[in-house]
Amino acid sequence: MGMELIISLISGAIGGNVAGGLLKNQSLGTLGNSISGIIGGGLGGAVLSQLGLGAMAGGGGMDIGSILGSVASGGVGGGVVMVVIGIIKKAMAK
């Protein structure tokens, strides 16, 4: 579980920065994108494991399916949280 969490957090930071690069209007800067991505990566990994999808992806071990599942959930979760925070920040600035 520990290694899967680390992979999800790193993937979340990367996902947050990729989303920030693609969506310049919602970007929070490199540090903000990374922090929101890490939060989203952790949440994405936790949600998938609670839904039982982590076990489906790789059986909970450190095989390639589990690693790819952690990368995907972390990256997507990181990107989504970064965009949501960016939208909220932009709305509050008006």
N, C-alpha and C. Protein backbone atom coordinates (compact mmCIF):
# COMPACT_ATOMS: atom_id res chain seq x y z
N MET A 1 0.83 -1.20 0.00
CA MET A 1 0.00 0.00 0.00
C MET A 1 0.86 1.24 0.00
N GLY A 2 1.98 1.24 0.70
CA GLY A 2 2.82 2.41 0.79
C GLY A 2 3.39 2.85 -0.55
N MET A 3 3.88 1.89 -1.32
CA MET A 3 4.45 2.22 -2.63
C MET A 3 3.38 2.70 -3.59
N GLU A 4 2.19 2.11 -3.54
CA GLU A 4 1.10 2.56 -4.40
C GLU A 4 0.71 4.00 -4.08
N LEU A 5 0.72 4.37 -2.80
CA LEU A 5 0.40 5.74 -2.40
C LEU A 5 1.46 6.71 -2.92
N ILE A 6 2.70 6.34 -2.80
CA ILE A 6 3.79 7.20 -3.29
C ILE A 6 3.66 7.40 -4.81
N ILE A 7 3.37 6.32 -5.52
CA ILE A 7 3.20 6.42 -6.98
C ILE A 7 2.02 7.33 -7.30
N SER A 8 0.91 7.20 -6.56
CA SER A 8 -0.26 8.04 -6.80
C SER A 8 0.05 9.51 -6.53
N LEU A 9 0.81 9.79 -5.47
CA LEU A 9 1.15 11.18 -5.14
C LEU A 9 2.05 11.80 -6.20
N ILE A 10 3.05 11.06 -6.64
CA ILE A 10 3.95 11.57 -7.68
C ILE A 10 3.18 11.76 -8.99
N SER A 11 2.35 10.79 -9.33
CA SER A 11 1.53 10.90 -10.54
C SER A 11 0.57 12.08 -10.44
N GLY A 12 0.05 12.32 -9.26
CA GLY A 12 -0.84 13.46 -9.05
C GLY A 12 -0.13 14.77 -9.30
N ALA A 13 1.10 14.90 -8.80
CA ALA A 13 1.87 16.13 -9.03
C ALA A 13 2.12 16.33 -10.52
N ILE A 14 2.45 15.27 -11.20
CA ILE A 14 2.67 15.35 -12.64
C ILE A 14 1.36 15.69 -13.35
N GLY A 15 0.28 15.03 -12.96
CA GLY A 15 -1.03 15.29 -13.57
C GLY A 15 -1.48 16.73 -13.34
N GLY A 16 -1.24 17.26 -12.15
CA GLY A 16 -1.58 18.65 -11.87
C GLY A 16 -0.82 19.62 -12.75
N ASN A 17 0.46 19.36 -12.96
CA ASN A 17 1.27 20.23 -13.81
C ASN A 17 0.92 20.10 -15.28
N VAL A 18 0.58 18.89 -15.72
CA VAL A 18 0.16 18.71 -17.11
C VAL A 18 -1.16 19.45 -17.35
N ALA A 19 -2.10 19.32 -16.42
CA ALA A 19 -3.37 20.02 -16.55
C ALA A 19 -3.15 21.53 -16.53
N GLY A 20 -2.25 22.01 -15.67
CA GLY A 20 -1.95 23.43 -15.62
C GLY A 20 -1.32 23.93 -16.91
N GLY A 21 -0.51 23.10 -17.53
CA GLY A 21 0.10 23.47 -18.81
C GLY A 21 -0.91 23.50 -19.94
N LEU A 22 -1.88 22.60 -19.89
CA LEU A 22 -2.90 22.56 -20.94
C LEU A 22 -3.98 23.62 -20.75
N LEU A 23 -4.29 23.93 -19.52
CA LEU A 23 -5.35 24.89 -19.20
C LEU A 23 -4.74 26.11 -18.50
N LYS A 24 -4.15 26.96 -19.28
CA LYS A 24 -3.42 28.12 -18.72
C LYS A 24 -4.30 29.00 -17.84
N ASN A 25 -5.59 29.12 -18.16
CA ASN A 25 -6.48 29.98 -17.38
C ASN A 25 -6.69 29.48 -15.95
N GLN A 26 -6.61 28.17 -15.74
CA GLN A 26 -6.80 27.61 -14.41
C GLN A 26 -5.48 27.29 -13.70
N SER A 27 -4.36 27.51 -14.35
CA SER A 27 -3.07 27.16 -13.77
C SER A 27 -2.82 27.93 -12.48
N LEU A 28 -2.23 27.24 -11.52
CA LEU A 28 -1.91 27.83 -10.23
C LEU A 28 -0.42 28.08 -10.07
N GLY A 29 0.33 27.96 -11.15
CA GLY A 29 1.78 28.02 -11.08
C GLY A 29 2.32 26.64 -10.77
N THR A 30 3.60 26.46 -10.96
CA THR A 30 4.18 25.12 -10.79
C THR A 30 3.98 24.56 -9.39
N LEU A 31 4.25 25.37 -8.38
CA LEU A 31 4.10 24.88 -7.00
C LEU A 31 2.64 24.60 -6.67
N GLY A 32 1.74 25.51 -7.04
CA GLY A 32 0.32 25.31 -6.77
C GLY A 32 -0.24 24.11 -7.51
N ASN A 33 0.17 23.96 -8.77
CA ASN A 33 -0.26 22.79 -9.55
C ASN A 33 0.23 21.50 -8.90
N SER A 34 1.48 21.51 -8.43
CA SER A 34 2.05 20.31 -7.80
C SER A 34 1.33 19.96 -6.51
N ILE A 35 1.09 20.97 -5.67
CA ILE A 35 0.43 20.70 -4.39
C ILE A 35 -0.99 20.21 -4.60
N SER A 36 -1.75 20.89 -5.46
CA SER A 36 -3.12 20.44 -5.71
C SER A 36 -3.12 19.07 -6.39
N GLY A 37 -2.13 18.82 -7.25
CA GLY A 37 -2.01 17.51 -7.88
C GLY A 37 -1.71 16.41 -6.89
N ILE A 38 -0.85 16.69 -5.92
CA ILE A 38 -0.53 15.70 -4.88
C ILE A 38 -1.77 15.37 -4.07
N ILE A 39 -2.54 16.40 -3.72
CA ILE A 39 -3.78 16.18 -2.97
C ILE A 39 -4.74 15.33 -3.82
N GLY A 40 -4.90 15.71 -5.08
CA GLY A 40 -5.79 14.95 -5.96
C GLY A 40 -5.30 13.54 -6.21
N GLY A 41 -3.99 13.36 -6.32
CA GLY A 41 -3.44 12.02 -6.51
C GLY A 41 -3.72 11.13 -5.33
N GLY A 42 -3.57 11.67 -4.14
CA GLY A 42 -3.87 10.91 -2.92
C GLY A 42 -5.35 10.56 -2.84
N LEU A 43 -6.19 11.54 -3.17
CA LEU A 43 -7.64 11.29 -3.15
C LEU A 43 -8.05 10.29 -4.22
N GLY A 44 -7.47 10.43 -5.42
CA GLY A 44 -7.80 9.51 -6.50
C GLY A 44 -7.43 8.08 -6.16
N GLY A 45 -6.25 7.90 -5.60
CA GLY A 45 -5.83 6.55 -5.20
C GLY A 45 -6.70 5.99 -4.09
N ALA A 46 -7.06 6.84 -3.12
CA ALA A 46 -7.89 6.39 -2.00
C ALA A 46 -9.30 6.01 -2.47
N VAL A 47 -9.86 6.82 -3.37
CA VAL A 47 -11.20 6.54 -3.87
C VAL A 47 -11.23 5.22 -4.63
N LEU A 48 -10.25 5.02 -5.50
CA LEU A 48 -10.23 3.77 -6.27
C LEU A 48 -10.04 2.55 -5.37
N SER A 49 -9.20 2.68 -4.35
CA SER A 49 -9.01 1.53 -3.47
C SER A 49 -10.28 1.26 -2.65
N GLN A 50 -11.00 2.32 -2.24
CA GLN A 50 -12.25 2.13 -1.51
C GLN A 50 -13.34 1.50 -2.37
N LEU A 51 -13.31 1.84 -3.65
CA LEU A 51 -14.30 1.26 -4.57
C LEU A 51 -13.94 -0.17 -4.97
N GLY A 52 -12.77 -0.60 -4.58
CA GLY A 52 -12.34 -1.94 -4.95
C GLY A 52 -11.70 -2.02 -6.31
N LEU A 53 -11.53 -0.88 -6.97
CA LEU A 53 -10.96 -0.89 -8.31
C LEU A 53 -9.45 -1.07 -8.28
N GLY A 54 -8.82 -0.73 -7.18
CA GLY A 54 -7.38 -0.95 -7.07
C GLY A 54 -7.07 -2.44 -7.10
N ALA A 55 -7.90 -3.23 -6.45
CA ALA A 55 -7.69 -4.68 -6.45
C ALA A 55 -7.94 -5.27 -7.84
N MET A 56 -8.90 -4.69 -8.57
CA MET A 56 -9.18 -5.17 -9.91
C MET A 56 -8.02 -4.86 -10.85
N ALA A 57 -7.39 -3.70 -10.65
CA ALA A 57 -6.32 -3.29 -11.55
C ALA A 57 -5.10 -4.18 -11.41
N GLY A 58 -4.77 -4.59 -10.20
CA GLY A 58 -3.56 -5.38 -10.08
C GLY A 58 -3.54 -6.31 -8.91
N GLY A 59 -4.63 -6.51 -8.26
CA GLY A 59 -4.68 -7.44 -7.15
C GLY A 59 -4.02 -6.91 -5.89
N GLY A 60 -3.70 -5.63 -5.85
CA GLY A 60 -3.11 -5.05 -4.66
C GLY A 60 -1.62 -5.25 -4.56
N GLY A 61 -1.00 -6.00 -5.47
CA GLY A 61 0.43 -6.20 -5.44
C GLY A 61 1.15 -5.12 -6.20
N MET A 62 2.43 -5.31 -6.41
CA MET A 62 3.21 -4.33 -7.15
C MET A 62 3.52 -4.84 -8.55
N ASP A 63 2.53 -5.43 -9.20
CA ASP A 63 2.71 -5.85 -10.58
C ASP A 63 2.42 -4.67 -11.51
N ILE A 64 2.57 -4.85 -12.78
CA ILE A 64 2.44 -3.75 -13.74
C ILE A 64 1.02 -3.19 -13.76
N GLY A 65 0.02 -4.02 -13.58
CA GLY A 65 -1.36 -3.54 -13.56
C GLY A 65 -1.62 -2.62 -12.38
N SER A 66 -1.10 -2.98 -11.23
CA SER A 66 -1.27 -2.16 -10.04
C SER A 66 -0.54 -0.83 -10.17
N ILE A 67 0.67 -0.87 -10.72
CA ILE A 67 1.45 0.35 -10.91
C ILE A 67 0.75 1.28 -11.89
N LEU A 68 0.28 0.73 -13.02
CA LEU A 68 -0.43 1.54 -14.00
C LEU A 68 -1.73 2.10 -13.44
N GLY A 69 -2.42 1.33 -12.62
CA GLY A 69 -3.64 1.81 -11.97
C GLY A 69 -3.35 2.97 -11.04
N SER A 70 -2.25 2.89 -10.29
CA SER A 70 -1.86 3.97 -9.39
C SER A 70 -1.47 5.22 -10.17
N VAL A 71 -0.74 5.03 -11.26
CA VAL A 71 -0.33 6.17 -12.10
C VAL A 71 -1.56 6.84 -12.69
N ALA A 72 -2.48 6.05 -13.22
CA ALA A 72 -3.68 6.61 -13.85
C ALA A 72 -4.56 7.34 -12.83
N SER A 73 -4.82 6.69 -11.71
CA SER A 73 -5.70 7.32 -10.71
C SER A 73 -5.05 8.57 -10.13
N GLY A 74 -3.76 8.52 -9.89
CA GLY A 74 -3.06 9.69 -9.36
C GLY A 74 -3.03 10.84 -10.36
N GLY A 75 -2.72 10.52 -11.60
CA GLY A 75 -2.64 11.56 -12.62
C GLY A 75 -3.98 12.22 -12.90
N VAL A 76 -5.01 11.42 -13.03
CA VAL A 76 -6.34 11.96 -13.29
C VAL A 76 -6.85 12.73 -12.07
N GLY A 77 -6.68 12.15 -10.89
CA GLY A 77 -7.11 12.84 -9.68
C GLY A 77 -6.38 14.16 -9.49
N GLY A 78 -5.09 14.18 -9.76
CA GLY A 78 -4.31 15.41 -9.64
C GLY A 78 -4.76 16.47 -10.62
N GLY A 79 -5.01 16.07 -11.84
CA GLY A 79 -5.48 17.03 -12.85
C GLY A 79 -6.85 17.59 -12.51
N VAL A 80 -7.74 16.74 -12.05
CA VAL A 80 -9.11 17.18 -11.74
C VAL A 80 -9.09 18.17 -10.57
N VAL A 81 -8.37 17.84 -9.50
CA VAL A 81 -8.33 18.74 -8.35
C VAL A 81 -7.68 20.07 -8.72
N MET A 82 -6.62 20.05 -9.53
CA MET A 82 -5.97 21.30 -9.94
C MET A 82 -6.95 22.17 -10.72
N VAL A 83 -7.71 21.59 -11.63
CA VAL A 83 -8.68 22.37 -12.42
C VAL A 83 -9.78 22.93 -11.52
N VAL A 84 -10.29 22.12 -10.61
CA VAL A 84 -11.36 22.59 -9.71
C VAL A 84 -10.85 23.75 -8.85
N ILE A 85 -9.66 23.62 -8.29
CA ILE A 85 -9.11 24.70 -7.47
C ILE A 85 -8.86 25.94 -8.33
N GLY A 86 -8.37 25.75 -9.54
CA GLY A 86 -8.15 26.88 -10.45
C GLY A 86 -9.43 27.62 -10.78
N ILE A 87 -10.50 26.89 -11.01
CA ILE A 87 -11.80 27.50 -11.31
C ILE A 87 -12.31 28.28 -10.09
N ILE A 88 -12.19 27.68 -8.90
CA ILE A 88 -12.63 28.35 -7.68
C ILE A 88 -11.82 29.62 -7.44
N LYS A 89 -10.50 29.54 -7.62
CA LYS A 89 -9.63 30.69 -7.42
C LYS A 89 -9.99 31.81 -8.39
N LYS A 90 -10.23 31.46 -9.64
CA LYS A 90 -10.58 32.46 -10.64
C LYS A 90 -11.93 33.11 -10.32
N ALA A 91 -12.90 32.31 -9.87
CA ALA A 91 -14.22 32.83 -9.52
C ALA A 91 -14.15 33.76 -8.32
N MET A 92 -13.29 33.45 -7.36
CA MET A 92 -13.16 34.29 -6.17
C MET A 92 -12.43 35.60 -6.46
N ALA A 93 -11.64 35.61 -7.50
CA ALA A 93 -10.88 36.82 -7.84
C ALA A 93 -11.77 37.87 -8.51
N LYS A 94 -12.92 37.46 -8.99
CA LYS A 94 -13.81 38.41 -9.70
C LYS A 94 -14.60 39.25 -8.72
